[in-house]
């Protein structure tokens, strides 16, 4: 069980959702065991306090889920965090390609080719 610094008296289970009111308005914190919590804020609240939530995303590395009607939710996060996620995704895709190539070689599906020399003038 993990404990949330915001709710020192509340024990957080594997999946736990907490609603609270503070100076920023009503929010929902979604916490998964072993993960950093993220804020879920309705569209009206974030519209009225956009700068504050942008600052939370950039300065506090907070992920903010903007809840909207018909489950058309969006996520607000810093560009730095987004770039880190995209880099990790590309790295994972690249490593998966390498794994598939090794599996093909081990299964005897590789081909042997002579190296081609290329002149620097071309």
Protein backbone atom coordinates (compact mmCIF):
# COMPACT_ATOMS: atom_id res chain seq x y z
CA UNK A 1 0.00 0.00 0.00
CA UNK A 2 1.29 3.44 -0.91
CA UNK A 3 0.53 6.62 0.93
CA UNK A 4 -0.29 9.88 -0.80
CA UNK A 5 1.45 13.02 0.47
CA UNK A 6 -1.72 15.03 -0.13
CA UNK A 7 -3.77 12.66 2.00
CA UNK A 8 -1.36 11.52 4.70
CA UNK A 9 -4.19 9.91 6.66
CA UNK A 10 -5.59 7.98 3.64
CA UNK A 11 -4.08 4.69 2.48
CA UNK A 12 -4.11 4.21 -1.28
CA UNK A 13 -4.96 0.76 -2.65
CA UNK A 14 -4.05 -0.64 -6.09
CA UNK A 15 -6.59 1.55 -7.88
CA UNK A 16 -8.04 4.39 -5.88
CA UNK A 17 -9.86 7.56 -6.86
CA UNK A 18 -10.08 10.47 -4.46
CA UNK A 19 -12.13 13.63 -4.84
CA UNK A 20 -11.05 16.73 -2.98
CA UNK A 21 -11.62 20.46 -2.95
CA UNK A 22 -8.83 22.94 -2.59
CA UNK A 23 -7.99 26.40 -3.85
CA UNK A 24 -7.85 25.09 -7.43
CA UNK A 25 -11.37 23.70 -7.40
CA UNK A 26 -12.72 20.19 -7.42
CA UNK A 27 -10.32 17.58 -8.78
CA UNK A 28 -10.02 13.84 -8.89
CA UNK A 29 -6.71 12.16 -8.24
CA UNK A 30 -6.26 8.77 -9.86
CA UNK A 31 -3.52 6.67 -8.32
CA UNK A 32 -2.21 3.28 -9.40
CA UNK A 33 0.13 1.34 -7.17
CA UNK A 34 3.68 2.12 -8.20
CA UNK A 35 2.64 5.04 -10.40
CA UNK A 36 2.55 8.75 -9.95
CA UNK A 37 -0.95 10.12 -9.43
CA UNK A 38 -2.60 12.24 -12.07
CA UNK A 39 -5.20 14.92 -11.73
CA UNK A 40 -8.57 14.59 -13.46
CA UNK A 41 -10.21 18.00 -13.86
CA UNK A 42 -13.45 18.84 -15.60
CA UNK A 43 -13.43 21.11 -18.63
CA UNK A 44 -15.02 24.08 -16.86
CA UNK A 45 -12.49 24.06 -14.04
CA UNK A 46 -9.48 23.90 -16.33
CA UNK A 47 -10.91 26.58 -18.61
CA UNK A 48 -11.16 28.96 -15.66
CA UNK A 49 -7.71 28.09 -14.28
CA UNK A 50 -5.73 27.12 -17.37
CA UNK A 51 -2.52 28.92 -16.39
CA UNK A 52 -2.53 27.24 -12.97
CA UNK A 53 -2.88 23.77 -14.48
CA UNK A 54 -0.30 24.50 -17.18
CA UNK A 55 2.10 25.49 -14.39
CA UNK A 56 1.30 22.23 -12.56
CA UNK A 57 2.11 20.29 -15.73
CA UNK A 58 5.40 22.08 -16.41
CA UNK A 59 6.70 22.95 -12.94
CA UNK A 60 5.41 19.98 -10.91
CA UNK A 61 5.48 17.39 -13.76
CA UNK A 62 1.78 16.72 -13.13
CA UNK A 63 -0.33 14.90 -15.71
CA UNK A 64 -3.80 16.45 -15.94
CA UNK A 65 -6.71 14.58 -17.51
CA UNK A 66 -9.34 17.02 -18.76
CA UNK A 67 -12.68 15.26 -18.50
CA UNK A 68 -15.31 16.12 -21.10
CA UNK A 69 -18.76 14.90 -22.09
CA UNK A 70 -19.10 11.66 -24.03
CA UNK A 71 -15.70 10.40 -22.85
CA UNK A 72 -13.83 12.80 -25.16
CA UNK A 73 -11.16 13.34 -22.53
CA UNK A 74 -7.75 14.86 -23.25
CA UNK A 75 -4.46 14.92 -21.36
CA UNK A 76 -2.44 18.00 -20.44
CA UNK A 77 1.27 17.43 -19.82
CA UNK A 78 4.51 19.30 -20.32
CA UNK A 79 6.27 19.18 -23.68
CA UNK A 80 9.27 17.67 -21.89
CA UNK A 81 7.14 14.80 -20.56
CA UNK A 82 5.51 14.29 -23.97
CA UNK A 83 8.92 14.17 -25.68
CA UNK A 84 10.17 11.65 -23.10
CA UNK A 85 7.15 9.42 -23.78
CA UNK A 86 7.61 9.65 -27.56
CA UNK A 87 11.33 8.86 -27.23
CA UNK A 88 10.57 5.83 -25.05
CA UNK A 89 7.98 4.64 -27.57
CA UNK A 90 10.40 4.94 -30.50
CA UNK A 91 13.12 3.17 -28.49
CA UNK A 92 10.71 0.34 -27.64
CA UNK A 93 9.71 -0.01 -31.31
CA UNK A 94 13.38 -0.09 -32.35
CA UNK A 95 14.25 -2.71 -29.73
CA UNK A 96 11.28 -4.81 -30.84
CA UNK A 97 12.59 -4.72 -34.44
CA UNK A 98 16.01 -5.86 -33.24
CA UNK A 99 14.41 -8.70 -31.25
CA UNK A 100 12.43 -9.81 -34.33
CA UNK A 101 15.61 -9.72 -36.44
CA UNK A 102 17.47 -11.92 -33.94
CA UNK A 103 14.54 -14.35 -33.85
CA UNK A 104 14.58 -14.55 -37.65
CA UNK A 105 18.33 -15.17 -37.67
CA UNK A 106 18.00 -17.89 -35.04
CA UNK A 107 15.22 -19.50 -37.11
CA UNK A 108 17.53 -19.61 -40.12
CA UNK A 109 15.66 -16.94 -42.06
CA UNK A 110 18.68 -14.69 -42.55
CA UNK A 111 20.44 -14.12 -45.87
CA UNK A 112 24.15 -13.70 -46.52
CA UNK A 113 25.24 -10.85 -48.79
CA UNK A 114 28.57 -9.44 -49.89
CA UNK A 115 29.31 -5.93 -48.67
CA UNK A 116 28.95 -3.28 -51.34
CA UNK A 117 31.72 -0.68 -51.51
CA UNK A 118 30.48 2.83 -52.24
CA UNK A 119 32.79 5.50 -53.61
CA UNK A 120 32.78 8.84 -51.82
CA UNK A 121 32.37 10.59 -55.21
CA UNK A 122 28.90 9.20 -55.81
